[in-house]
Amino acid sequence: MKKLTGSRVGIDQGDEEVFSEFATGGDMWTGEGSRERRKAVSFSEPFRTPPTVQVAMSLWDIDQRANIRADVTAENVTRSGCDLVFRTWGDTRVARVRMSWLAIGEVKSEDDWDL
């Protein structure tokens, strides 16, 4: 459990296209095996400490003739941003993915002192 000190909690959110490969024939659409795409996002302002980030797919355009496999996560979370990560494997064919994210954490207060 993450316990927040202080009384200021910040919430930031966004919705990002991670990739679109149908029109270009990219390997998410045409390939097989392990594949990964990353999208760096910046928070609207830095948190006091790295926040907790939750991600979800808000758009998933996938070929129904193949197995449906996906792993979505946030990695490299810092005070100012993170990477949205989409992974798939096997014969899954993905045309495009959009991911939503929600960051919750401590934000600076005017009562904070920098010593």
Protein backbone atom coordinates (compact mmCIF):
# COMPACT_ATOMS: atom_id res chain seq x y z
CA MET A 1 0.00 0.00 0.00
CA LYS A 2 1.23 3.46 -0.84
CA LYS A 3 0.61 5.90 2.01
CA LEU A 4 0.61 9.57 1.13
CA THR A 5 2.01 12.07 3.57
CA GLY A 6 0.55 15.53 3.68
CA SER A 7 -2.84 16.66 2.59
CA ARG A 8 -2.30 17.32 -1.10
CA VAL A 9 -3.15 14.56 -3.51
CA GLY A 10 -2.94 15.18 -7.24
CA ILE A 11 -4.71 13.27 -9.98
CA ASP A 12 -3.68 13.55 -13.62
CA GLN A 13 -5.05 11.61 -16.57
CA GLY A 14 -4.76 11.19 -20.30
CA ASP A 15 -5.63 9.11 -23.34
CA GLU A 16 -2.85 8.36 -25.84
CA GLU A 17 -2.61 6.55 -29.16
CA VAL A 18 0.24 4.09 -28.57
CA PHE A 19 0.45 2.89 -32.18
CA SER A 20 -1.46 2.51 -35.45
CA GLU A 21 0.09 -0.01 -37.84
CA PHE A 22 -2.71 -1.30 -40.07
CA ALA A 23 -2.16 1.22 -42.88
CA THR A 24 1.64 0.97 -42.77
CA GLY A 25 1.87 -2.83 -42.45
CA GLY A 26 3.86 -2.64 -39.21
CA ASP A 27 4.79 -5.82 -37.37
CA MET A 28 2.03 -5.44 -34.75
CA TRP A 29 -0.34 -6.08 -37.67
CA THR A 30 1.75 -8.40 -39.84
CA GLY A 31 4.22 -10.03 -37.44
CA GLU A 32 4.19 -12.93 -35.02
CA GLY A 33 5.88 -13.69 -31.73
CA SER A 34 6.73 -11.26 -28.94
CA ARG A 35 6.15 -7.61 -29.82
CA GLU A 36 6.10 -4.43 -27.77
CA ARG A 37 5.25 -0.75 -28.23
CA ARG A 38 5.95 2.09 -25.79
CA LYS A 39 4.61 5.62 -25.57
CA ALA A 40 6.24 8.16 -23.24
CA VAL A 41 3.80 10.48 -21.49
CA SER A 42 4.46 13.58 -19.41
CA PHE A 43 2.30 14.58 -16.48
CA SER A 44 0.83 18.09 -16.58
CA GLU A 45 3.07 18.96 -13.61
CA PRO A 46 5.55 16.97 -11.53
CA PHE A 47 4.40 15.02 -8.50
CA ARG A 48 6.30 15.25 -5.21
CA THR A 49 7.23 11.55 -5.50
CA PRO A 50 6.56 9.05 -8.30
CA PRO A 51 2.77 8.50 -8.41
CA THR A 52 0.80 5.31 -8.77
CA VAL A 53 -0.23 4.93 -12.42
CA GLN A 54 -3.09 2.78 -13.67
CA VAL A 55 -3.49 2.05 -17.39
CA ALA A 56 -6.27 0.57 -19.51
CA MET A 57 -6.95 0.14 -23.19
CA SER A 58 -9.47 2.69 -24.44
CA LEU A 59 -9.27 1.45 -28.06
CA TRP A 60 -8.18 -1.93 -29.33
CA ASP A 61 -8.51 -2.63 -33.05
CA ILE A 62 -7.67 -6.31 -33.50
CA ASP A 63 -8.09 -9.07 -36.06
CA GLN A 64 -10.77 -11.50 -34.83
CA ARG A 65 -9.27 -14.43 -36.79
CA ALA A 66 -6.27 -14.69 -34.43
CA ASN A 67 -5.93 -15.23 -30.69
CA ILE A 68 -6.47 -12.11 -28.61
CA ARG A 69 -3.50 -11.48 -26.27
CA ALA A 70 -2.39 -8.29 -24.54
CA ASP A 71 -0.39 -7.09 -21.59
CA VAL A 72 -0.64 -3.38 -20.70
CA THR A 73 1.30 -1.59 -17.98
CA ALA A 74 3.05 1.61 -16.96
CA GLU A 75 6.83 1.41 -16.59
CA ASN A 76 9.63 3.83 -15.75
CA VAL A 77 7.31 5.92 -13.58
CA THR A 78 8.99 9.15 -12.41
CA ARG A 79 7.75 12.35 -10.81
CA SER A 80 7.23 13.86 -14.27
CA GLY A 81 6.03 11.00 -16.49
CA CYS A 82 6.00 7.33 -17.44
CA ASP A 83 5.99 4.90 -20.35
CA LEU A 84 2.75 3.27 -21.46
CA VAL A 85 3.63 -0.27 -22.57
CA PHE A 86 1.61 -2.63 -24.78
CA ARG A 87 2.85 -6.19 -25.35
CA THR A 88 1.46 -9.08 -27.36
CA TRP A 89 2.74 -12.44 -28.59
CA GLY A 90 1.94 -15.42 -30.77
CA ASP A 91 -0.30 -14.88 -33.80
CA THR A 92 -2.20 -11.88 -32.37
CA ARG A 93 -2.69 -9.16 -35.02
CA VAL A 94 -3.26 -5.65 -33.68
CA ALA A 95 -4.02 -2.73 -35.99
CA ARG A 96 -3.99 0.02 -33.36
CA VAL A 97 -4.15 0.67 -29.63
CA ARG A 98 -5.05 3.68 -27.55
CA MET A 99 -4.43 3.60 -23.79
CA SER A 100 -5.88 5.72 -21.02
CA TRP A 101 -3.86 6.43 -17.88
CA LEU A 102 -4.55 7.76 -14.41
CA ALA A 103 -1.78 8.98 -12.08
CA ILE A 104 -2.45 9.55 -8.37
CA GLY A 105 0.15 10.86 -5.95
CA GLU A 106 1.43 13.57 -3.69
CA VAL A 107 1.85 17.05 -5.09
CA LYS A 108 3.85 19.88 -3.64
CA SER A 109 2.22 22.27 -1.22
CA GLU A 110 3.03 25.93 -0.60
CA ASP A 111 3.88 24.75 2.94
CA ASP A 112 6.73 22.52 1.63
CA TRP A 113 10.22 23.83 2.30
CA ASP A 114 13.19 23.13 0.07
CA LEU A 115 16.27 23.02 2.29
